[in-house]
Amino acid sequence: NKLKMQVQLGLKEYENVLNDILNKNVGVLSNLHGLLHEGHSMKDICVGLHDVIIASEMENKTKFKLLRTIGESEWRSTTMTPKVLLSWMVGQLI
């Protein structure tokens, strides 16, 4: 039960990030940088956003657009600086 609560809390964080992206709130970049400073890896961020997008009820076309960019970000995460990569990802998503 405790693990389930932690997962839900983690996804809530990413749900807020996704809402900021969809509402074109450029402050989302600061929130994502904050997640990096809290110890989240780029892979954690991409997987969290992926899970929230898959569970959402948005149009499939929108889901695929977002997932393509998030997937590419996760792939690039092994060779790029996380802060720079987050900036690129947010620029693509907004």
Protein backbone atom coordinates (compact mmCIF):
# COMPACT_ATOMS: atom_id res chain seq x y z
CA ASN A 1 0.00 0.00 0.00
CA LYS A 2 2.82 2.39 0.87
CA LEU A 3 4.57 1.67 -2.44
CA LYS A 4 1.33 2.32 -4.33
CA MET A 5 0.98 5.70 -2.59
CA GLN A 6 4.57 6.65 -3.52
CA VAL A 7 3.99 5.75 -7.15
CA GLN A 8 0.77 7.78 -7.25
CA LEU A 9 2.50 10.77 -5.65
CA GLY A 10 5.31 10.51 -8.18
CA LEU A 11 2.89 10.42 -11.07
CA LYS A 12 0.98 13.40 -9.66
CA GLU A 13 4.21 15.38 -9.95
CA TYR A 14 4.50 14.41 -13.61
CA GLU A 15 0.82 15.06 -14.20
CA ASN A 16 1.42 18.66 -13.07
CA VAL A 17 4.40 18.90 -15.43
CA LEU A 18 2.28 17.57 -18.32
CA ASN A 19 -0.50 20.09 -17.57
CA ASP A 20 2.08 22.90 -17.61
CA ILE A 21 3.39 21.67 -20.97
CA LEU A 22 -0.10 21.43 -22.47
CA ASN A 23 -0.94 24.93 -21.16
CA LYS A 24 2.34 26.24 -22.60
CA ASN A 25 3.53 27.41 -19.19
CA VAL A 26 7.23 28.12 -19.69
CA GLY A 27 7.73 27.88 -15.92
CA VAL A 28 7.63 24.12 -16.40
CA LEU A 29 11.35 24.19 -17.19
CA SER A 30 12.13 25.44 -13.68
CA ASN A 31 9.95 22.67 -12.24
CA LEU A 32 11.80 20.05 -14.28
CA HIS A 33 15.18 21.45 -13.25
CA GLY A 34 13.93 21.18 -9.66
CA LEU A 35 13.22 17.48 -10.22
CA LEU A 36 16.82 17.04 -11.40
CA HIS A 37 18.09 18.77 -8.26
CA GLU A 38 15.92 16.46 -6.13
CA GLY A 39 17.75 13.47 -7.60
CA HIS A 40 15.46 12.39 -10.43
CA SER A 41 17.35 11.18 -13.48
CA MET A 42 16.45 12.14 -17.02
CA LYS A 43 15.23 8.57 -17.50
CA ASP A 44 12.96 8.88 -14.42
CA ILE A 45 11.45 12.08 -15.81
CA CYS A 46 10.86 10.57 -19.26
CA VAL A 47 9.32 7.38 -17.84
CA GLY A 48 7.09 9.38 -15.47
CA LEU A 49 5.85 11.62 -18.29
CA HIS A 50 5.35 8.56 -20.51
CA ASP A 51 3.19 6.83 -17.89
CA VAL A 52 1.05 9.93 -17.34
CA ILE A 53 0.55 10.48 -21.08
CA ILE A 54 -0.40 6.85 -21.70
CA ALA A 55 -2.94 6.96 -18.84
CA SER A 56 -4.42 10.27 -20.02
CA GLU A 57 -7.53 10.66 -22.12
CA MET A 58 -6.04 13.08 -24.64
CA GLU A 59 -6.33 12.56 -28.38
CA ASN A 60 -4.02 9.85 -29.77
CA LYS A 61 -2.41 12.28 -32.23
CA THR A 62 -1.34 14.50 -29.33
CA LYS A 63 -0.12 11.51 -27.31
CA PHE A 64 2.08 10.32 -30.16
CA LYS A 65 3.58 13.78 -30.69
CA LEU A 66 4.47 14.08 -27.00
CA LEU A 67 5.74 10.49 -26.72
CA ARG A 68 7.99 10.87 -29.78
CA THR A 69 9.78 13.83 -28.20
CA ILE A 70 9.96 12.21 -24.76
CA GLY A 71 11.31 8.98 -26.27
CA GLU A 72 13.98 10.88 -28.17
CA SER A 73 14.88 12.76 -24.98
CA GLU A 74 15.32 9.51 -23.08
CA TRP A 75 17.47 8.14 -25.90
CA ARG A 76 19.65 11.28 -25.90
CA SER A 77 19.95 11.25 -22.09
CA THR A 78 23.07 9.07 -22.23
CA THR A 79 25.03 11.65 -24.24
CA MET A 80 23.62 15.07 -23.33
CA THR A 81 23.75 17.21 -20.22
CA PRO A 82 20.41 16.79 -18.41
CA LYS A 83 19.69 20.53 -18.00
CA VAL A 84 20.35 21.20 -21.67
CA LEU A 85 18.30 18.18 -22.70
CA LEU A 86 15.36 19.29 -20.54
CA SER A 87 15.49 22.70 -22.19
CA TRP A 88 15.43 21.09 -25.63
CA MET A 89 12.60 18.75 -24.65
CA VAL A 90 10.43 21.54 -23.25
CA GLY A 91 11.08 23.62 -26.37
CA GLN A 92 9.87 20.73 -28.52
CA LEU A 93 6.82 20.03 -26.38
CA ILE A 94 5.61 23.62 -25.97
